[in-house]
C-alpha atoms as a PDB file:
ATOM      1  CA  MET A   1      79.860 116.244 -58.768  1.00  0.00           C
ATOM      2  CA  LYS A   2      76.593 118.171 -58.909  1.00  0.00           C
ATOM      3  CA  ILE A   3      74.257 117.532 -55.988  1.00  0.00           C
ATOM      4  CA  ARG A   4      70.686 118.764 -55.897  1.00  0.00           C
ATOM      5  CA  ILE A   5      68.703 118.901 -52.650  1.00  0.00           C
ATOM      6  CA  ARG A   6      64.938 118.653 -53.114  1.00  0.00           C
ATOM      7  CA  LEU A   7      61.919 117.628 -51.106  1.00  0.00           C
ATOM      8  CA  ALA A   8      61.366 113.877 -51.098  1.00  0.00           C
ATOM      9  CA  GLU A   9      58.176 112.589 -52.706  1.00  0.00           C
ATOM     10  CA  ALA A  10      56.074 109.453 -52.273  1.00  0.00           C
ATOM     11  CA  SER A  11      57.511 108.164 -55.554  1.00  0.00           C
ATOM     12  CA  ASP A  12      60.965 108.086 -53.848  1.00  0.00           C
ATOM     13  CA  ILE A  13      59.970 105.580 -51.157  1.00  0.00           C
ATOM     14  CA  ARG A  14      61.432 102.477 -52.818  1.00  0.00           C
ATOM     15  CA  SER A  15      64.733 104.236 -53.570  1.00  0.00           C
ATOM     16  CA  LEU A  16      64.814 105.675 -50.040  1.00  0.00           C
ATOM     17  CA  ARG A  17      64.408 102.186 -48.539  1.00  0.00           C
ATOM     18  CA  GLU A  18      67.309 100.890 -50.639  1.00  0.00           C
ATOM     19  CA  LEU A  19      69.457 103.884 -49.708  1.00  0.00           C
ATOM     20  CA  ILE A  20      68.709 103.484 -45.987  1.00  0.00           C
ATOM     21  CA  GLU A  21      69.623  99.785 -46.016  1.00  0.00           C
ATOM     22  CA  ALA A  22      72.882 100.426 -47.890  1.00  0.00           C
ATOM     23  CA  SER A  23      73.791 103.302 -45.560  1.00  0.00           C
ATOM     24  CA  VAL A  24      73.079 101.362 -42.365  1.00  0.00           C
ATOM     25  CA  ARG A  25      74.949  98.231 -43.448  1.00  0.00           C
ATOM     26  CA  GLY A  26      77.816 100.132 -45.036  1.00  0.00           C
ATOM     27  CA  LEU A  27      78.465 102.919 -42.538  1.00  0.00           C
ATOM     28  CA  GLN A  28      77.276 101.748 -39.115  1.00  0.00           C
ATOM     29  CA  ALA A  29      78.939  98.321 -38.916  1.00  0.00           C
ATOM     30  CA  GLY A  30      81.856  99.755 -36.928  1.00  0.00           C
ATOM     31  CA  ASP A  31      79.569 100.963 -34.152  1.00  0.00           C
ATOM     32  CA  TYR A  32      76.886  98.273 -33.947  1.00  0.00           C
ATOM     33  CA  SER A  33      76.718  94.494 -34.241  1.00  0.00           C
ATOM     34  CA  ALA A  34      75.212  92.846 -37.305  1.00  0.00           C
ATOM     35  CA  ALA A  35      72.316  91.641 -35.125  1.00  0.00           C
ATOM     36  CA  GLN A  36      71.633  95.197 -33.910  1.00  0.00           C
ATOM     37  CA  LEU A  37      71.712  96.602 -37.448  1.00  0.00           C
ATOM     38  CA  GLU A  38      69.411  93.967 -38.927  1.00  0.00           C
ATOM     39  CA  SER A  39      66.972  94.305 -36.029  1.00  0.00           C
ATOM     40  CA  ALA A  40      67.094  98.109 -36.320  1.00  0.00           C
ATOM     41  CA  LEU A  41      66.293  97.869 -40.048  1.00  0.00           C
ATOM     42  CA  ARG A  42      63.187  95.835 -39.169  1.00  0.00           C
ATOM     43  CA  THR A  43      61.986  97.867 -36.189  1.00  0.00           C
ATOM     44  CA  VAL A  44      63.479 101.400 -36.060  1.00  0.00           C
ATOM     45  CA  TYR A  45      65.228 102.547 -39.239  1.00  0.00           C
ATOM     46  CA  GLY A  46      63.200 103.145 -42.351  1.00  0.00           C
ATOM     47  CA  VAL A  47      61.230 105.632 -44.341  1.00  0.00           C
ATOM     48  CA  ASP A  48      58.990 107.939 -42.326  1.00  0.00           C
ATOM     49  CA  THR A  49      56.186 108.790 -44.729  1.00  0.00           C
ATOM     50  CA  GLN A  50      54.873 111.411 -42.276  1.00  0.00           C
ATOM     51  CA  LEU A  51      58.008 113.480 -42.973  1.00  0.00           C
ATOM     52  CA  ILE A  52      57.362 113.197 -46.708  1.00  0.00           C
ATOM     53  CA  SER A  53      53.698 114.181 -46.242  1.00  0.00           C
ATOM     54  CA  ASP A  54      54.710 117.122 -44.040  1.00  0.00           C
ATOM     55  CA  GLY A  55      57.157 118.364 -46.699  1.00  0.00           C
ATOM     56  CA  THR A  56      60.077 118.189 -44.266  1.00  0.00           C
ATOM     57  CA  TYR A  57      62.129 115.346 -45.773  1.00  0.00           C
ATOM     58  CA  PHE A  58      64.876 116.028 -48.277  1.00  0.00           C
ATOM     59  CA  ALA A  59      66.455 113.869 -50.959  1.00  0.00           C
ATOM     60  CA  ALA A  60      69.978 114.507 -52.242  1.00  0.00           C
ATOM     61  CA  GLU A  61      70.538 113.561 -55.849  1.00  0.00           C
ATOM     62  CA  GLU A  62      73.722 113.399 -57.874  1.00  0.00           C
ATOM     63  CA  ILE A  63      72.935 114.855 -61.294  1.00  0.00           C
ATOM     64  CA  ALA A  64      74.935 113.260 -64.114  1.00  0.00           C
ATOM     65  CA  ALA A  65      76.001 115.155 -67.225  1.00  0.00           C
ATOM     66  CA  SER A  66      73.273 113.248 -69.073  1.00  0.00           C
ATOM     67  CA  GLY A  67      70.690 114.766 -66.715  1.00  0.00           C
ATOM     68  CA  THR A  68      69.878 111.517 -64.924  1.00  0.00           C
ATOM     69  CA  ALA A  69      69.555 111.694 -61.142  1.00  0.00           C
ATOM     70  CA  LEU A  70      70.770 109.168 -58.566  1.00  0.00           C
ATOM     71  CA  LEU A  71      69.532 109.303 -54.965  1.00  0.00           C
ATOM     72  CA  VAL A  72      72.648 109.484 -52.754  1.00  0.00           C
ATOM     73  CA  GLY A  73      71.384 110.860 -49.438  1.00  0.00           C
ATOM     74  CA  CYS A  74      68.309 111.796 -47.435  1.00  0.00           C
ATOM     75  CA  GLY A  75      67.351 113.444 -44.188  1.00  0.00           C
ATOM     76  CA  GLY A  76      64.747 115.678 -42.685  1.00  0.00           C
ATOM     77  CA  TRP A  77      63.367 117.642 -39.813  1.00  0.00           C
ATOM     78  CA  SER A  78      60.082 117.271 -38.026  1.00  0.00           C
ATOM     79  CA  LYS A  79      57.537 119.445 -36.317  1.00  0.00           C
ATOM     80  CA  ARG A  80      56.242 116.339 -34.509  1.00  0.00           C
ATOM     81  CA  LYS A  81      57.260 114.788 -31.174  1.00  0.00           C
ATOM     82  CA  THR A  82      58.800 111.572 -32.532  1.00  0.00           C
ATOM     83  CA  LEU A  83      62.568 111.711 -31.949  1.00  0.00           C
ATOM     84  CA  PHE A  84      63.489 108.833 -34.279  1.00  0.00           C
ATOM     85  CA  GLY A  85      62.080 105.869 -36.176  1.00  0.00           C
ATOM     86  CA  GLY A  86      60.470 105.031 -39.487  1.00  0.00           C
ATOM     87  CA  ASP A  87      56.876 104.022 -40.167  1.00  0.00           C
ATOM     88  CA  GLN A  88      57.368 100.617 -38.532  1.00  0.00           C
ATOM     89  CA  PHE A  89      58.662 102.053 -35.205  1.00  0.00           C
ATOM     90  CA  ALA A  90      56.122 101.430 -32.441  1.00  0.00           C
ATOM     91  CA  GLY A  91      57.182 104.381 -30.263  1.00  0.00           C
ATOM     92  CA  ARG A  92      55.983 107.160 -32.569  1.00  0.00           C
ATOM     93  CA  GLU A  93      54.411 110.350 -31.193  1.00  0.00           C
ATOM     94  CA  ASP A  94      52.949 112.277 -34.113  1.00  0.00           C
ATOM     95  CA  SER A  95      51.429 115.197 -32.200  1.00  0.00           C
ATOM     96  CA  LEU A  96      52.663 118.621 -33.304  1.00  0.00           C
ATOM     97  CA  LEU A  97      55.365 120.582 -31.502  1.00  0.00           C
ATOM     98  CA  ASP A  98      55.073 124.229 -30.433  1.00  0.00           C
ATOM     99  CA  PRO A  99      57.918 126.181 -32.135  1.00  0.00           C
ATOM    100  CA  ALA A 100      58.033 128.710 -29.285  1.00  0.00           C
ATOM    101  CA  ARG A 101      58.523 126.009 -26.650  1.00  0.00           C
ATOM    102  CA  ASP A 102      59.739 122.787 -28.302  1.00  0.00           C
ATOM    103  CA  ALA A 103      62.759 121.763 -30.332  1.00  0.00           C
ATOM    104  CA  ALA A 104      62.208 120.615 -33.915  1.00  0.00           C
ATOM    105  CA  LYS A 105      63.555 117.121 -34.551  1.00  0.00           C
ATOM    106  CA  ILE A 106      66.346 116.307 -37.011  1.00  0.00           C
ATOM    107  CA  ARG A 107      65.369 112.923 -38.404  1.00  0.00           C
ATOM    108  CA  ALA A 108      66.337 109.996 -40.614  1.00  0.00           C
ATOM    109  CA  PHE A 109      69.699 111.055 -42.083  1.00  0.00           C
ATOM    110  CA  PHE A 110      71.304 108.508 -44.371  1.00  0.00           C
ATOM    111  CA  VAL A 111      74.011 108.809 -47.027  1.00  0.00           C
ATOM    112  CA  HIS A 112      74.974 106.036 -49.421  1.00  0.00           C
ATOM    113  CA  PRO A 113      78.385 104.650 -48.405  1.00  0.00           C
ATOM    114  CA  GLU A 114      79.857 105.374 -51.857  1.00  0.00           C
ATOM    115  CA  TRP A 115      78.942 109.060 -51.361  1.00  0.00           C
ATOM    116  CA  ALA A 116      79.891 109.439 -47.689  1.00  0.00           C
ATOM    117  CA  ARG A 117      82.174 112.239 -46.522  1.00  0.00           C
ATOM    118  CA  ARG A 118      81.582 114.444 -49.562  1.00  0.00           C
ATOM    119  CA  GLY A 119      79.487 117.106 -47.847  1.00  0.00           C
ATOM    120  CA  ILE A 120      76.074 115.656 -48.716  1.00  0.00           C
ATOM    121  CA  GLY A 121      74.961 115.214 -45.101  1.00  0.00           C
ATOM    122  CA  GLY A 122      76.000 118.791 -44.381  1.00  0.00           C
ATOM    123  CA  MET A 123      73.995 120.097 -47.335  1.00  0.00           C
ATOM    124  CA  ILE A 124      70.891 118.257 -46.144  1.00  0.00           C
ATOM    125  CA  LEU A 125      71.417 119.413 -42.548  1.00  0.00           C
ATOM    126  CA  GLU A 126      71.710 123.051 -43.681  1.00  0.00           C
ATOM    127  CA  ALA A 127      68.427 122.716 -45.605  1.00  0.00           C
ATOM    128  CA  CYS A 128      66.731 121.215 -42.529  1.00  0.00           C
ATOM    129  CA  GLU A 129      68.038 123.858 -40.157  1.00  0.00           C
ATOM    130  CA  ALA A 130      66.956 126.686 -42.485  1.00  0.00           C
ATOM    131  CA  ALA A 131      63.473 125.206 -42.933  1.00  0.00           C
ATOM    132  CA  ALA A 132      62.988 124.639 -39.187  1.00  0.00           C
ATOM    133  CA  ARG A 133      64.171 128.184 -38.464  1.00  0.00           C
ATOM    134  CA  ALA A 134      61.760 129.558 -41.097  1.00  0.00           C
ATOM    135  CA  ALA A 135      58.948 127.621 -39.375  1.00  0.00           C
ATOM    136  CA  GLY A 136      59.718 129.471 -36.131  1.00  0.00           C
ATOM    137  CA  PHE A 137      61.767 126.866 -34.246  1.00  0.00           C
ATOM    138  CA  ARG A 138      64.673 128.123 -32.144  1.00  0.00           C
ATOM    139  CA  ARG A 139      66.102 124.774 -31.143  1.00  0.00           C
ATOM    140  CA  LEU A 140      66.756 121.400 -32.741  1.00  0.00           C
ATOM    141  CA  GLU A 141      67.332 117.969 -31.289  1.00  0.00           C
ATOM    142  CA  MET A 142      67.849 114.465 -32.584  1.00  0.00           C
ATOM    143  CA  GLY A 143      68.530 110.882 -31.700  1.00  0.00           C
ATOM    144  CA  ALA A 144      71.963 110.447 -33.327  1.00  0.00           C
ATOM    145  CA  THR A 145      73.481 107.079 -34.041  1.00  0.00           C
ATOM    146  CA  LEU A 146      76.926 106.487 -32.577  1.00  0.00           C
ATOM    147  CA  THR A 147      78.200 106.742 -36.154  1.00  0.00           C
ATOM    148  CA  GLY A 148      76.604 110.165 -36.599  1.00  0.00           C
ATOM    149  CA  VAL A 149      77.727 111.768 -33.310  1.00  0.00           C
ATOM    150  CA  PRO A 150      81.066 113.120 -34.652  1.00  0.00           C
ATOM    151  CA  PHE A 151      79.316 114.641 -37.692  1.00  0.00           C
ATOM    152  CA  TYR A 152      76.663 116.386 -35.610  1.00  0.00           C
ATOM    153  CA  ARG A 153      79.214 117.524 -33.024  1.00  0.00           C
ATOM    154  CA  ALA A 154      81.207 119.153 -35.852  1.00  0.00           C
ATOM    155  CA  LYS A 155      77.994 120.953 -36.895  1.00  0.00           C
ATOM    156  CA  GLY A 156      77.511 122.516 -33.461  1.00  0.00           C
ATOM    157  CA  TYR A 157      75.279 119.937 -31.752  1.00  0.00           C
ATOM    158  CA  VAL A 158      75.989 118.876 -28.169  1.00  0.00           C
ATOM    159  CA  GLU A 159      75.279 115.604 -26.447  1.00  0.00           C
ATOM    160  CA  LEU A 160      72.309 115.756 -24.076  1.00  0.00           C
ATOM    161  CA  GLU A 161      71.848 112.136 -22.988  1.00  0.00           C
ATOM    162  CA  ALA A 162      72.473 108.529 -23.951  1.00  0.00           C
ATOM    163  CA  VAL A 163      69.370 106.587 -24.982  1.00  0.00           C
ATOM    164  CA  ASP A 164      68.846 102.889 -25.694  1.00  0.00           C
ATOM    165  CA  ALA A 165      66.291 102.399 -28.469  1.00  0.00           C
ATOM    166  CA  PRO A 166      64.484  99.083 -27.949  1.00  0.00           C
ATOM    167  CA  LEU A 167      64.894  96.445 -30.665  1.00  0.00           C
ATOM    168  CA  GLU A 168      63.703  92.845 -31.008  1.00  0.00           C
ATOM    169  CA  ASP A 169      64.815  89.932 -28.819  1.00  0.00           C
ATOM    170  CA  GLY A 170      65.957  92.139 -25.957  1.00  0.00           C
ATOM    171  CA  LEU A 171      68.515  94.002 -28.062  1.00  0.00           C
ATOM    172  CA  THR A 172      68.915  97.757 -27.867  1.00  0.00           C
ATOM    173  CA  LEU A 173      70.435 100.354 -30.174  1.00  0.00           C
ATOM    174  CA  PRO A 174      72.502 102.906 -28.252  1.00  0.00           C
ATOM    175  CA  ILE A 175      71.923 106.418 -29.604  1.00  0.00           C
ATOM    176  CA  VAL A 176      72.693 109.905 -28.321  1.00  0.00           C
ATOM    177  CA  ARG A 177      70.111 112.659 -27.952  1.00  0.00           C
ATOM    178  CA  MET A 178      71.827 115.799 -29.211  1.00  0.00           C
ATOM    179  CA  GLY A 179      70.682 119.408 -29.462  1.00  0.00           C
ATOM    180  CA  LYS A 180      71.477 122.828 -30.877  1.00  0.00           C
ATOM    181  CA  GLY A 181      69.919 126.264 -30.533  1.00  0.00           C
ATOM    182  CA  TRP A 182      70.288 129.657 -32.214  1.00  0.00           C
END
């Protein structure tokens, strides 16, 4: 398996949407109800085009022997205040963070279920951490799904607080704000 990590581009948006939906439905069903997942796909999860525009969102591609590429994972970091949520999320805060004072945000990590647990998320996370460090940030934080908490804990992140992301019809999506410094 040859995986290439590259910056995501606007031309990836359709494939990213498909990947996100497959990841959410395939990997998070053990931690959330079907109603929570479907509502989250409509209101919270999704492509954040600001990350793509900022050049802080990565795509992981499996490169076949023929040279064709298949999008198998994605994730990014942000220099903006928004902790989580795609373009459709109403609670966005797009003002810029101060690297000397604020923590960069790890955002929108998704791996296709057929490619899960093969190191792809770790490769993307390493790229994000290196880029945030190069931009002057000394700390990172995220809003991790319950499914993602063990992965991030294994990568040195600690739980900071439980958060309930608001969804439709009075539902919430429990997530965990996690952080890491260096």
